[in-house]
Amino acid sequence: MLLVVDPETKVLAVYHVESSNGKVSLRSTRALGYDLQIEDFNATEPKPSSIKKMLRVDSVPKPQINKIEIIPPSPIETRQIQPSP
């Protein structure tokens, strides 16, 4: 098989080449312009649209989580706290 693609016109031609005698025959031609605009034709999971959604979610900055940092008190500040009744 021989594939010829014209990048200017976006046309694909498919040729069959017989190995025994080298005879070349045109089997198919196709304009690819519309084909190249389809994202999910005959695709399996994860489809390109699913991957795009995953990447969009990951690209959004995650909100900062308020963290409470516990710093051990210095010996001077140490005091006992009694629970209230």
N, C-alpha and C. Protein backbone atom coordinates (compact mmCIF):
# COMPACT_ATOMS: atom_id res chain seq x y z
N MET A 1 0.84 -1.16 0.00
CA MET A 1 0.00 0.00 0.00
C MET A 1 0.90 1.24 0.00
N LEU A 2 0.46 2.23 -0.71
CA LEU A 2 1.16 3.50 -0.79
C LEU A 2 0.16 4.60 -0.48
N LEU A 3 0.50 5.47 0.46
CA LEU A 3 -0.35 6.60 0.81
C LEU A 3 0.33 7.88 0.35
N VAL A 4 -0.41 8.75 -0.30
CA VAL A 4 0.11 10.04 -0.73
C VAL A 4 -0.81 11.10 -0.14
N VAL A 5 -0.23 12.06 0.57
CA VAL A 5 -1.01 13.14 1.17
C VAL A 5 -0.50 14.46 0.60
N ASP A 6 -1.43 15.25 0.10
CA ASP A 6 -1.09 16.60 -0.37
C ASP A 6 -1.45 17.56 0.76
N PRO A 7 -0.43 18.12 1.45
CA PRO A 7 -0.72 18.98 2.59
C PRO A 7 -1.40 20.30 2.22
N GLU A 8 -1.23 20.76 1.00
CA GLU A 8 -1.88 22.01 0.60
C GLU A 8 -3.37 21.83 0.41
N THR A 9 -3.77 20.78 -0.30
CA THR A 9 -5.19 20.55 -0.55
C THR A 9 -5.82 19.64 0.49
N LYS A 10 -5.00 19.03 1.35
CA LYS A 10 -5.46 18.07 2.37
C LYS A 10 -6.26 16.94 1.74
N VAL A 11 -5.66 16.35 0.70
CA VAL A 11 -6.27 15.21 0.02
C VAL A 11 -5.35 14.01 0.18
N LEU A 12 -5.94 12.85 0.45
CA LEU A 12 -5.22 11.60 0.63
C LEU A 12 -5.54 10.69 -0.55
N ALA A 13 -4.51 10.04 -1.07
CA ALA A 13 -4.70 9.04 -2.12
C ALA A 13 -4.09 7.73 -1.64
N VAL A 14 -4.81 6.64 -1.87
CA VAL A 14 -4.35 5.31 -1.46
C VAL A 14 -4.14 4.48 -2.72
N TYR A 15 -2.94 3.92 -2.83
CA TYR A 15 -2.59 3.09 -3.98
C TYR A 15 -2.25 1.69 -3.49
N HIS A 16 -2.56 0.70 -4.32
CA HIS A 16 -2.14 -0.68 -4.08
C HIS A 16 -0.98 -0.98 -5.03
N VAL A 17 0.09 -1.51 -4.47
CA VAL A 17 1.25 -1.88 -5.29
C VAL A 17 1.40 -3.40 -5.22
N GLU A 18 1.30 -4.05 -6.38
CA GLU A 18 1.46 -5.51 -6.42
C GLU A 18 2.95 -5.84 -6.33
N SER A 19 3.29 -6.66 -5.36
CA SER A 19 4.71 -6.99 -5.15
C SER A 19 5.27 -7.87 -6.26
N SER A 20 4.44 -8.63 -6.92
CA SER A 20 4.95 -9.54 -7.95
C SER A 20 5.40 -8.82 -9.21
N ASN A 21 4.66 -7.77 -9.63
CA ASN A 21 5.03 -7.12 -10.90
C ASN A 21 5.18 -5.60 -10.77
N GLY A 22 4.94 -5.04 -9.57
CA GLY A 22 5.12 -3.60 -9.38
C GLY A 22 3.97 -2.75 -9.90
N LYS A 23 2.90 -3.41 -10.35
CA LYS A 23 1.76 -2.66 -10.87
C LYS A 23 1.13 -1.82 -9.76
N VAL A 24 0.88 -0.54 -10.07
CA VAL A 24 0.30 0.39 -9.11
C VAL A 24 -1.11 0.74 -9.56
N SER A 25 -2.06 0.63 -8.63
CA SER A 25 -3.44 0.99 -8.97
C SER A 25 -4.02 1.87 -7.86
N LEU A 26 -4.72 2.90 -8.29
CA LEU A 26 -5.36 3.82 -7.35
C LEU A 26 -6.57 3.12 -6.74
N ARG A 27 -6.66 3.13 -5.41
CA ARG A 27 -7.77 2.46 -4.72
C ARG A 27 -8.77 3.47 -4.15
N SER A 28 -8.28 4.62 -3.69
CA SER A 28 -9.20 5.56 -3.05
C SER A 28 -8.56 6.93 -2.94
N THR A 29 -9.39 7.96 -2.98
CA THR A 29 -8.94 9.33 -2.66
C THR A 29 -9.95 9.91 -1.69
N ARG A 30 -9.49 10.86 -0.90
CA ARG A 30 -10.38 11.45 0.08
C ARG A 30 -9.87 12.82 0.48
N ALA A 31 -10.78 13.79 0.53
CA ALA A 31 -10.46 15.10 1.08
C ALA A 31 -10.50 14.98 2.60
N LEU A 32 -9.45 15.43 3.26
CA LEU A 32 -9.32 15.23 4.70
C LEU A 32 -9.78 16.43 5.53
N GLY A 33 -10.14 17.53 4.88
CA GLY A 33 -10.48 18.75 5.62
C GLY A 33 -11.49 18.53 6.72
N TYR A 34 -12.62 17.89 6.38
CA TYR A 34 -13.64 17.65 7.40
C TYR A 34 -13.24 16.55 8.36
N ASP A 35 -12.56 15.54 7.86
CA ASP A 35 -12.10 14.45 8.74
C ASP A 35 -11.24 14.99 9.87
N LEU A 36 -10.37 15.94 9.56
CA LEU A 36 -9.43 16.45 10.56
C LEU A 36 -10.10 17.34 11.60
N GLN A 37 -11.37 17.68 11.39
CA GLN A 37 -12.11 18.48 12.37
C GLN A 37 -12.85 17.61 13.38
N ILE A 38 -12.93 16.30 13.11
CA ILE A 38 -13.60 15.38 14.02
C ILE A 38 -12.61 14.96 15.11
N GLU A 39 -13.05 15.07 16.36
CA GLU A 39 -12.16 14.74 17.47
C GLU A 39 -12.32 13.31 17.99
N ASP A 40 -13.54 12.78 17.97
CA ASP A 40 -13.80 11.51 18.66
C ASP A 40 -14.32 10.39 17.77
N PHE A 41 -14.14 10.44 16.47
CA PHE A 41 -14.67 9.40 15.60
C PHE A 41 -13.93 8.09 15.82
N ASN A 42 -14.67 7.05 16.17
CA ASN A 42 -14.13 5.71 16.33
C ASN A 42 -13.03 5.64 17.38
N ALA A 43 -13.07 6.55 18.34
CA ALA A 43 -12.05 6.57 19.39
C ALA A 43 -12.53 5.74 20.58
N THR A 44 -11.59 5.23 21.34
CA THR A 44 -11.92 4.48 22.55
C THR A 44 -11.55 5.34 23.75
N GLU A 45 -12.08 4.97 24.90
CA GLU A 45 -11.81 5.73 26.12
C GLU A 45 -10.36 5.55 26.53
N PRO A 46 -9.71 6.57 27.02
CA PRO A 46 -10.25 7.92 27.16
C PRO A 46 -10.23 8.65 25.82
N LYS A 47 -11.38 9.20 25.47
CA LYS A 47 -11.50 9.95 24.22
C LYS A 47 -10.81 11.30 24.38
N PRO A 48 -10.41 11.91 23.27
CA PRO A 48 -9.74 13.21 23.35
C PRO A 48 -10.53 14.25 24.15
N SER A 49 -11.86 14.25 24.01
CA SER A 49 -12.67 15.23 24.77
C SER A 49 -12.57 14.97 26.27
N SER A 50 -12.51 13.71 26.68
CA SER A 50 -12.36 13.38 28.10
C SER A 50 -11.01 13.83 28.63
N ILE A 51 -9.98 13.61 27.83
CA ILE A 51 -8.63 14.02 28.23
C ILE A 51 -8.57 15.54 28.35
N LYS A 52 -9.20 16.23 27.39
CA LYS A 52 -9.22 17.69 27.42
C LYS A 52 -9.88 18.20 28.70
N LYS A 53 -11.00 17.55 29.10
CA LYS A 53 -11.69 17.94 30.34
C LYS A 53 -10.80 17.70 31.55
N MET A 54 -10.10 16.56 31.57
CA MET A 54 -9.21 16.27 32.69
C MET A 54 -8.10 17.32 32.79
N LEU A 55 -7.55 17.71 31.65
CA LEU A 55 -6.47 18.70 31.65
C LEU A 55 -6.99 20.06 32.08
N ARG A 56 -8.22 20.42 31.68
CA ARG A 56 -8.79 21.70 32.11
C ARG A 56 -8.97 21.73 33.61
N VAL A 57 -9.42 20.62 34.20
CA VAL A 57 -9.61 20.57 35.65
C VAL A 57 -8.28 20.73 36.35
N ASP A 58 -7.24 20.07 35.84
CA ASP A 58 -5.92 20.15 36.46
C ASP A 58 -5.28 21.52 36.27
N SER A 59 -5.68 22.26 35.23
CA SER A 59 -5.04 23.55 34.99
C SER A 59 -5.64 24.66 35.85
N VAL A 60 -6.81 24.42 36.43
CA VAL A 60 -7.44 25.43 37.30
C VAL A 60 -6.70 25.42 38.63
N PRO A 61 -6.28 26.61 39.10
CA PRO A 61 -5.57 26.63 40.38
C PRO A 61 -6.47 26.12 41.50
N LYS A 62 -5.93 25.28 42.32
CA LYS A 62 -6.69 24.73 43.43
C LYS A 62 -6.74 25.78 44.55
N PRO A 63 -7.89 25.86 45.24
CA PRO A 63 -7.98 26.84 46.32
C PRO A 63 -7.03 26.47 47.45
N GLN A 64 -6.51 27.51 48.09
CA GLN A 64 -5.61 27.25 49.20
C GLN A 64 -6.42 26.77 50.38
N ILE A 65 -5.90 25.78 51.05
CA ILE A 65 -6.57 25.23 52.22
C ILE A 65 -5.98 25.94 53.44
N ASN A 66 -6.86 26.44 54.30
CA ASN A 66 -6.39 27.09 55.52
C ASN A 66 -5.78 26.02 56.42
N LYS A 67 -4.52 26.18 56.70
CA LYS A 67 -3.82 25.21 57.52
C LYS A 67 -3.60 25.81 58.90
N ILE A 68 -3.71 24.98 59.89
CA ILE A 68 -3.37 25.39 61.24
C ILE A 68 -2.04 24.75 61.56
N GLU A 69 -1.08 25.59 61.84
CA GLU A 69 0.25 25.09 62.13
C GLU A 69 0.45 25.13 63.63
N ILE A 70 0.79 23.99 64.20
CA ILE A 70 1.02 23.92 65.64
C ILE A 70 2.52 24.03 65.87
N ILE A 71 2.85 25.09 66.59
CA ILE A 71 4.26 25.34 66.90
C ILE A 71 4.43 25.04 68.38
N PRO A 72 5.38 24.22 68.72
CA PRO A 72 5.56 23.94 70.15
C PRO A 72 5.89 25.23 70.90
N PRO A 73 5.22 25.47 72.03
CA PRO A 73 5.49 26.69 72.79
C PRO A 73 6.89 26.66 73.40
N SER A 74 7.43 27.84 73.59
CA SER A 74 8.74 27.91 74.25
C SER A 74 8.54 27.60 75.73
N PRO A 75 9.58 27.19 76.43
CA PRO A 75 9.43 26.82 77.86
C PRO A 75 8.87 27.96 78.70
N ILE A 76 9.16 29.20 78.36
CA ILE A 76 8.68 30.34 79.14
C ILE A 76 7.15 30.47 79.00
N GLU A 77 6.61 30.16 77.85
CA GLU A 77 5.18 30.33 77.60
C GLU A 77 4.36 29.11 78.02
N THR A 78 4.99 28.07 78.51
CA THR A 78 4.26 26.85 78.86
C THR A 78 3.48 27.08 80.14
N ARG A 79 2.21 26.76 80.11
CA ARG A 79 1.37 26.82 81.31
C ARG A 79 0.28 25.77 81.16
N GLN A 80 -0.24 25.36 82.25
CA GLN A 80 -1.27 24.35 82.28
C GLN A 80 -2.63 25.01 82.05
N ILE A 81 -3.43 24.40 81.22
CA ILE A 81 -4.78 24.92 80.99
C ILE A 81 -5.73 23.89 81.59
N GLN A 82 -6.57 24.38 82.52
CA GLN A 82 -7.53 23.51 83.17
C GLN A 82 -8.83 23.51 82.38
N PRO A 83 -9.42 22.34 82.14
CA PRO A 83 -10.71 22.33 81.47
C PRO A 83 -11.77 23.00 82.32
N SER A 84 -12.67 23.70 81.69
CA SER A 84 -13.73 24.36 82.44
C SER A 84 -14.83 23.37 82.75
N PRO A 85 -15.49 23.54 83.94
CA PRO A 85 -16.51 22.56 84.36
C PRO A 85 -17.76 22.61 83.54
